[in-house]
Amino acid sequence: MDWGGSSRIIRRLKGFLAARRLIEALAIGVLLIAAYLVFAFRGQQSGVAYVQPRSGCRFSAIYNFGDSNSDTGSASVTFGRVVSPHGETFFGKPSGRYADGRLIIDFIAKKLGFPYLRAYLDSIGADFAHGANFAASGSTIQHLDGKLFSAGFNPFTLDVQILQFEQFKARSIESYSQAKNSEYKTSLPKPESFSRALFTMDSGQNDLYAGLTSVTEEQVTASIPHIIDRFSVALEQLYKLGARAFWIHNTGPIGCLPVFVIKHPLEPNNADPTGCIKSYNEVAQEFNKQLKEKISKLRSQLRDAMLIYVDIYSVKYSLIRQGKNEGFTDPLGYCCGRLGVVE
């Protein structure tokens, strides 16, 4: 969704703790099992020795790319600090996240034994020894044209985030090798750690959102192959920069977003049993189908890399479907006030 509008739809849900447990169980449990087994196997094949974090998975750092689903401060430090109710249920104050608590990337970092990722653009007191976050709320996979820019989307598109990582890696290696102060070195990643890091990616929702708010569903579906190709180019560029372990989220059930469900009254024949917009979710499912196929092809091309496709769509849809049982008062509604206004 548009990062500028995220503050209008952030949730204050009574079932925060129950929801957090469900997310941890569904998402993090899969991460620990799949990542450990597959990456350990790859490591044995390549003969590379991996650093062992506290949790048992063999990653030296996390580098994250995406949009508001995983942005921990990029948009905030660039365009102005977010305001309450962001951050109130966990951090007790705005934390740079367009959420009232933590994001899935926060749970991943915690489970792997790392601190929460700092945004690459957040230079005040930053410690990047265990990774960095390049995700930017409101960003897209596609290049930002005049139409997307005028609609309020973030100029830090996925390809820009890759360029930022390229600069970050080069400067980090140079600074680490030249640093005489050992204390300064502790805030930088070791040069050899980049190839042993986990690269997480969660992008594509804003591309679909932009299309569904401006053109027909058929036109959005027709644009998916181009979007997937752009994603593939970005992933391959990361591979050329030394990335070998990829954790890739598909896109969520966009037809369940409050901005659509509330703003666009449902037609009886276009509502699923949960109350989401069926045809919009079908667009998301088509995106996910093509993304999964692309990742399968990339596995055969990048044979020394690990590419894990994560079905986050099913995780989120399950949470929405079971929302009331998990303590959510209104899984499809805005948290507070009325449409477009946070109270």
Protein backbone atom coordinates (compact mmCIF):
# COMPACT_ATOMS: atom_id res chain seq x y z
CA MET A 1 0.00 0.00 0.00
CA ASP A 2 1.03 3.62 -0.38
CA TRP A 3 3.44 4.55 2.43
CA GLY A 4 1.89 7.99 2.69
CA GLY A 5 -1.46 6.42 3.45
CA SER A 6 -0.18 3.78 5.81
CA SER A 7 -0.77 5.98 8.85
CA ARG A 8 -4.45 6.15 7.94
CA ILE A 9 -4.98 2.41 8.09
CA ILE A 10 -2.67 1.22 10.87
CA ARG A 11 -4.44 -1.12 13.29
CA ARG A 12 -5.00 -0.90 17.03
CA LEU A 13 -6.17 -4.44 17.57
CA LYS A 14 -6.96 -5.94 20.96
CA GLY A 15 -5.54 -9.29 19.94
CA PHE A 16 -1.97 -8.10 19.37
CA LEU A 17 -0.34 -10.79 21.50
CA ALA A 18 -2.38 -13.59 19.98
CA ALA A 19 -1.65 -12.33 16.48
CA ARG A 20 2.05 -12.10 17.25
CA ARG A 21 2.12 -15.72 18.39
CA LEU A 22 0.35 -16.84 15.22
CA ILE A 23 2.77 -14.94 12.98
CA GLU A 24 5.74 -16.39 14.82
CA ALA A 25 4.37 -19.91 14.57
CA LEU A 26 3.52 -19.73 10.87
CA ALA A 27 6.37 -17.62 9.52
CA ILE A 28 9.37 -18.06 11.78
CA GLY A 29 8.91 -21.78 12.28
CA VAL A 30 9.08 -22.33 8.54
CA LEU A 31 12.13 -20.07 8.32
CA LEU A 32 14.16 -21.96 10.88
CA ILE A 33 13.44 -25.37 9.42
CA ALA A 34 13.79 -24.54 5.73
CA ALA A 35 16.67 -22.10 5.94
CA TYR A 36 18.76 -24.25 8.23
CA LEU A 37 18.33 -27.47 6.26
CA VAL A 38 18.73 -26.01 2.78
CA PHE A 39 21.54 -23.62 3.58
CA ALA A 40 23.45 -26.24 5.56
CA PHE A 41 23.19 -28.52 2.54
CA ARG A 42 24.43 -25.78 0.21
CA GLY A 43 27.27 -25.02 2.57
CA GLN A 44 28.42 -28.63 2.59
CA GLN A 45 28.36 -28.67 -1.20
CA SER A 46 30.44 -25.52 -1.61
CA GLY A 47 32.85 -26.24 1.21
CA VAL A 48 32.19 -22.86 2.84
CA ALA A 49 32.35 -22.59 6.63
CA TYR A 50 29.48 -20.53 8.03
CA VAL A 51 29.33 -18.50 11.20
CA GLN A 52 26.91 -19.92 13.77
CA PRO A 53 24.53 -17.34 15.29
CA ARG A 54 22.95 -18.02 18.67
CA SER A 55 19.73 -19.49 17.30
CA GLY A 56 21.39 -22.26 15.31
CA CYS A 57 20.98 -20.97 11.75
CA ARG A 58 24.23 -20.28 9.98
CA PHE A 59 23.96 -16.70 8.80
CA SER A 60 26.32 -13.83 9.51
CA ALA A 61 23.87 -10.99 8.81
CA ILE A 62 20.52 -10.06 7.24
CA TYR A 63 20.05 -7.65 4.34
CA ASN A 64 16.44 -6.81 3.63
CA PHE A 65 14.75 -5.28 0.57
CA GLY A 66 11.12 -4.35 0.02
CA ASP A 67 8.33 -1.95 0.94
CA SER A 68 6.32 -0.97 4.04
CA ASN A 69 5.83 -4.61 4.96
CA SER A 70 9.48 -4.63 6.11
CA ASP A 71 10.64 -0.98 6.26
CA THR A 72 12.14 -0.26 9.68
CA GLY A 73 12.92 3.41 9.09
CA SER A 74 13.94 4.32 5.54
CA ALA A 75 10.86 6.37 4.67
CA SER A 76 10.76 7.83 8.15
CA VAL A 77 14.28 9.28 8.06
CA THR A 78 13.88 10.46 4.46
CA PHE A 79 10.44 12.05 4.41
CA GLY A 80 9.74 12.82 8.05
CA ARG A 81 9.16 10.83 11.21
CA VAL A 82 6.04 8.74 11.48
CA VAL A 83 3.60 9.66 14.23
CA SER A 84 1.38 7.80 16.68
CA PRO A 85 -0.27 5.31 16.72
CA HIS A 86 2.74 3.79 14.94
CA GLY A 87 4.87 1.77 17.32
CA GLU A 88 2.62 2.13 20.33
CA THR A 89 1.91 -1.54 21.12
CA PHE A 90 5.54 -2.68 21.38
CA PHE A 91 8.08 0.14 21.18
CA GLY A 92 5.87 2.59 23.04
CA LYS A 93 6.60 5.28 20.45
CA PRO A 94 6.99 5.63 16.67
CA SER A 95 9.85 3.39 15.55
CA GLY A 96 10.11 4.13 11.83
CA ARG A 97 7.74 1.28 11.04
CA TYR A 98 4.33 1.80 9.47
CA ALA A 99 2.85 -0.55 12.05
CA ASP A 100 1.75 -0.35 15.65
CA GLY A 101 4.22 -3.06 16.65
CA ARG A 102 6.89 -5.20 15.06
CA LEU A 103 7.14 -6.47 11.49
CA ILE A 104 7.87 -10.01 10.30
CA ILE A 105 11.46 -8.97 9.53
CA ASP A 106 11.82 -8.06 13.22
CA PHE A 107 10.77 -11.55 14.28
CA ILE A 108 13.17 -13.09 11.76
CA ALA A 109 16.08 -11.01 13.06
CA LYS A 110 15.22 -11.85 16.66
CA LYS A 111 14.90 -15.56 15.97
CA LEU A 112 18.28 -15.62 14.23
CA GLY A 113 19.89 -13.92 17.20
CA PHE A 114 20.40 -10.50 15.63
CA PRO A 115 19.35 -6.99 16.71
CA TYR A 116 16.44 -5.42 14.85
CA LEU A 117 17.67 -4.18 11.48
CA ARG A 118 18.51 -0.50 11.18
CA ALA A 119 17.55 1.31 8.00
CA TYR A 120 20.50 1.91 5.69
CA LEU A 121 19.55 5.59 5.47
CA ASP A 122 19.41 5.99 9.25
CA SER A 123 22.96 7.11 10.04
CA ILE A 124 22.50 8.30 13.64
CA GLY A 125 24.10 5.78 15.97
CA ALA A 126 23.61 2.97 13.48
CA ASP A 127 25.24 -0.43 13.90
CA PHE A 128 25.39 -2.44 10.69
CA ALA A 129 27.58 -5.29 11.90
CA HIS A 130 24.72 -7.76 11.56
CA GLY A 131 23.03 -6.36 8.47
CA ALA A 132 21.02 -3.44 7.16
CA ASN A 133 17.52 -2.74 5.90
CA PHE A 134 17.07 -1.17 2.46
CA ALA A 135 13.28 -1.58 2.29
CA ALA A 136 11.36 1.64 1.72
CA SER A 137 7.66 2.12 2.37
CA GLY A 138 5.70 2.89 -0.76
CA SER A 139 8.38 1.52 -3.08
CA THR A 140 7.72 -0.61 -6.15
CA ILE A 141 9.57 -3.20 -8.19
CA GLN A 142 8.93 -1.24 -11.38
CA HIS A 143 10.90 1.85 -12.26
CA LEU A 144 9.22 4.98 -10.96
CA ASP A 145 7.67 6.87 -13.86
CA GLY A 146 5.87 10.19 -13.70
CA LYS A 147 2.52 8.53 -13.08
CA LEU A 148 3.74 6.52 -10.09
CA PHE A 149 5.66 9.48 -8.70
CA SER A 150 2.65 11.79 -8.92
CA ALA A 151 0.58 9.11 -7.15
CA GLY A 152 2.90 9.39 -4.16
CA PHE A 153 5.03 6.27 -4.50
CA ASN A 154 8.53 6.19 -3.06
CA PRO A 155 11.44 6.89 -5.47
CA PHE A 156 13.55 4.23 -3.70
CA THR A 157 12.40 1.42 -5.99
CA LEU A 158 13.83 -2.09 -5.74
CA ASP A 159 16.60 -1.37 -8.25
CA VAL A 160 17.59 1.74 -6.27
CA GLN A 161 17.72 -0.36 -3.12
CA ILE A 162 20.11 -2.75 -4.89
CA LEU A 163 22.32 0.20 -5.86
CA GLN A 164 22.29 1.33 -2.24
CA PHE A 165 23.42 -2.13 -1.15
CA GLU A 166 26.19 -2.10 -3.74
CA GLN A 167 27.46 1.20 -2.33
CA PHE A 168 27.03 -0.03 1.23
CA LYS A 169 29.06 -3.17 0.58
CA ALA A 170 31.90 -1.34 -1.20
CA ARG A 171 32.13 1.39 1.43
CA SER A 172 31.87 -1.06 4.32
CA ILE A 173 34.71 -3.20 3.01
CA GLU A 174 36.86 -0.14 2.37
CA SER A 175 36.13 1.38 5.79
CA TYR A 176 36.67 -1.91 7.60
CA SER A 177 40.05 -2.49 5.96
CA GLN A 178 41.22 1.07 6.67
CA ALA A 179 39.81 1.44 10.18
CA LYS A 180 42.41 1.65 12.92
CA ASN A 181 39.84 1.95 15.68
CA SER A 182 38.65 -1.51 16.68
CA GLU A 183 35.52 -0.03 18.26
CA TYR A 184 34.55 1.50 14.91
CA LYS A 185 35.04 -1.86 13.21
CA THR A 186 32.50 -3.48 15.49
CA SER A 187 29.71 -1.42 13.87
CA LEU A 188 30.62 -2.63 10.38
CA PRO A 189 30.08 -6.01 8.71
CA LYS A 190 33.22 -8.05 8.16
CA PRO A 191 34.14 -8.22 4.44
CA GLU A 192 33.79 -12.00 4.39
CA SER A 193 30.32 -11.89 5.97
CA PHE A 194 28.42 -10.72 2.88
CA SER A 195 28.47 -14.09 1.13
CA ARG A 196 27.29 -15.77 4.33
CA ALA A 197 24.35 -13.42 4.92
CA LEU A 198 20.63 -13.99 4.47
CA PHE A 199 19.00 -11.73 1.86
CA THR A 200 15.28 -11.24 2.50
CA MET A 201 12.93 -9.75 -0.09
CA ASP A 202 9.29 -8.65 0.24
CA SER A 203 8.15 -6.52 -2.68
CA GLY A 204 5.42 -6.31 -5.29
CA GLN A 205 2.33 -5.31 -3.32
CA ASN A 206 2.63 -1.65 -4.28
CA ASP A 207 2.97 -2.53 -7.96
CA LEU A 208 -0.38 -4.31 -7.81
CA TYR A 209 -1.91 -1.58 -5.65
CA ALA A 210 -0.83 1.09 -8.14
CA GLY A 211 -2.43 -0.81 -10.98
CA LEU A 212 -5.66 -1.68 -9.23
CA THR A 213 -6.23 1.98 -8.34
CA SER A 214 -5.63 3.27 -11.87
CA VAL A 215 -6.35 0.65 -14.56
CA THR A 216 -8.47 -2.47 -15.05
CA GLU A 217 -7.76 -5.79 -13.37
CA GLU A 218 -7.03 -7.27 -16.80
CA GLN A 219 -4.38 -4.62 -17.44
CA VAL A 220 -2.80 -5.25 -14.05
CA THR A 221 -2.66 -8.98 -14.75
CA ALA A 222 -1.09 -8.29 -18.14
CA SER A 223 1.65 -6.23 -16.47
CA ILE A 224 2.70 -9.00 -14.08
CA PRO A 225 5.28 -10.67 -16.38
CA HIS A 226 7.14 -7.36 -16.70
CA ILE A 227 7.08 -6.82 -12.93
CA ILE A 228 8.39 -10.34 -12.31
CA ASP A 229 11.15 -9.82 -14.87
CA ARG A 230 12.23 -6.65 -13.05
CA PHE A 231 12.30 -8.58 -9.79
CA SER A 232 14.42 -11.28 -11.40
CA VAL A 233 16.91 -8.69 -12.65
CA ALA A 234 17.21 -7.28 -9.12
CA LEU A 235 17.77 -10.70 -7.59
CA GLU A 236 20.39 -11.60 -10.18
CA GLN A 237 22.17 -8.32 -9.48
CA LEU A 238 22.32 -9.22 -5.79
CA TYR A 239 23.74 -12.58 -6.79
CA LYS A 240 26.47 -10.84 -8.79
CA LEU A 241 27.23 -8.80 -5.68
CA GLY A 242 27.85 -11.98 -3.71
CA ALA A 243 24.43 -12.87 -2.29
CA ARG A 244 23.81 -16.60 -2.07
CA ALA A 245 20.97 -17.16 0.41
CA PHE A 246 17.61 -15.64 -0.55
CA TRP A 247 14.38 -15.64 1.49
CA ILE A 248 11.63 -14.36 -0.82
CA HIS A 249 8.09 -13.50 0.30
CA ASN A 250 5.29 -13.63 -2.22
CA THR A 251 2.69 -10.88 -2.03
CA GLY A 252 -0.21 -10.87 0.41
CA PRO A 253 -3.99 -10.96 -0.17
CA ILE A 254 -4.33 -7.44 -1.52
CA GLY A 255 -8.10 -7.83 -1.82
CA CYS A 256 -8.28 -7.89 1.98
CA LEU A 257 -6.63 -4.51 2.52
CA PRO A 258 -8.95 -2.11 4.36
CA VAL A 259 -8.20 0.60 1.81
CA PHE A 260 -9.98 -1.57 -0.78
CA VAL A 261 -12.60 -3.37 1.31
CA ILE A 262 -13.94 -0.18 2.89
CA LYS A 263 -13.42 2.28 0.05
CA HIS A 264 -14.87 0.03 -2.66
CA PRO A 265 -18.20 -1.56 -1.69
CA LEU A 266 -18.21 -5.27 -2.46
CA GLU A 267 -20.41 -6.73 -5.13
CA PRO A 268 -22.13 -9.92 -3.92
CA ASN A 269 -20.51 -12.07 -6.61
CA ASN A 270 -17.04 -10.64 -5.95
CA ALA A 271 -16.73 -11.28 -2.23
CA ASP A 272 -15.00 -14.32 -0.80
CA PRO A 273 -16.16 -16.02 2.44
CA THR A 274 -13.83 -13.80 4.48
CA GLY A 275 -15.25 -10.58 3.04
CA CYS A 276 -12.27 -9.77 0.83
CA ILE A 277 -12.44 -8.69 -2.81
CA LYS A 278 -12.14 -12.00 -4.64
CA SER A 279 -10.93 -10.68 -8.01
CA TYR A 280 -8.19 -8.57 -6.41
CA ASN A 281 -6.91 -11.59 -4.52
CA GLU A 282 -6.92 -13.53 -7.78
CA VAL A 283 -4.58 -10.89 -9.23
CA ALA A 284 -2.28 -11.38 -6.24
CA GLN A 285 -2.43 -15.16 -6.69
CA GLU A 286 -1.45 -14.80 -10.35
CA PHE A 287 1.48 -12.62 -9.32
CA ASN A 288 2.53 -15.28 -6.82
CA LYS A 289 2.19 -18.07 -9.37
CA GLN A 290 4.49 -16.29 -11.81
CA LEU A 291 6.92 -15.33 -9.04
CA LYS A 292 7.18 -18.96 -7.93
CA GLU A 293 7.79 -20.09 -11.51
CA LYS A 294 10.50 -17.45 -11.97
CA ILE A 295 12.24 -18.49 -8.76
CA SER A 296 12.15 -22.11 -9.90
CA LYS A 297 13.91 -21.13 -13.13
CA LEU A 298 16.47 -19.04 -11.26
CA ARG A 299 17.34 -22.04 -9.09
CA SER A 300 18.52 -23.89 -12.19
CA GLN A 301 20.56 -20.87 -13.33
CA LEU A 302 22.10 -19.89 -10.00
CA ARG A 303 23.05 -23.36 -8.88
CA ASP A 304 25.25 -22.36 -5.95
CA ALA A 305 22.53 -20.15 -4.48
CA MET A 306 19.67 -20.97 -2.12
CA LEU A 307 16.33 -19.45 -3.13
CA ILE A 308 13.43 -20.07 -0.74
CA TYR A 309 9.96 -19.02 -1.85
CA VAL A 310 7.81 -18.14 1.17
CA ASP A 311 4.03 -18.32 0.86
CA ILE A 312 3.28 -15.28 3.01
CA TYR A 313 -0.07 -14.94 1.21
CA SER A 314 -1.37 -18.05 2.97
CA VAL A 315 0.02 -16.89 6.32
CA LYS A 316 -1.72 -13.51 6.10
CA TYR A 317 -4.97 -14.87 4.70
CA SER A 318 -5.12 -17.47 7.46
CA LEU A 319 -4.61 -14.73 10.03
CA ILE A 320 -7.41 -12.65 8.51
CA ARG A 321 -9.77 -15.62 8.19
CA GLN A 322 -9.21 -16.62 11.81
CA GLY A 323 -8.89 -13.04 13.01
CA LYS A 324 -11.76 -12.95 15.47
CA ASN A 325 -10.70 -16.28 16.97
CA GLU A 326 -7.22 -14.83 17.46
CA GLY A 327 -8.48 -11.71 19.23
CA PHE A 328 -8.87 -9.25 16.35
CA THR A 329 -11.96 -7.11 16.72
CA ASP A 330 -12.29 -6.40 12.99
CA PRO A 331 -9.71 -8.10 10.72
CA LEU A 332 -10.78 -6.08 7.67
CA GLY A 333 -11.35 -2.68 9.25
CA TYR A 334 -9.42 0.46 9.99
CA CYS A 335 -8.08 0.79 13.49
CA CYS A 336 -9.41 4.14 14.45
CA GLY A 337 -11.72 6.91 13.32
CA ARG A 338 -13.08 7.00 9.82
CA LEU A 339 -11.70 6.43 6.33
CA GLY A 340 -8.71 8.66 5.70
CA VAL A 341 -8.50 10.00 9.27
CA VAL A 342 -6.59 8.65 12.25
CA GLU A 343 -8.14 9.59 15.59
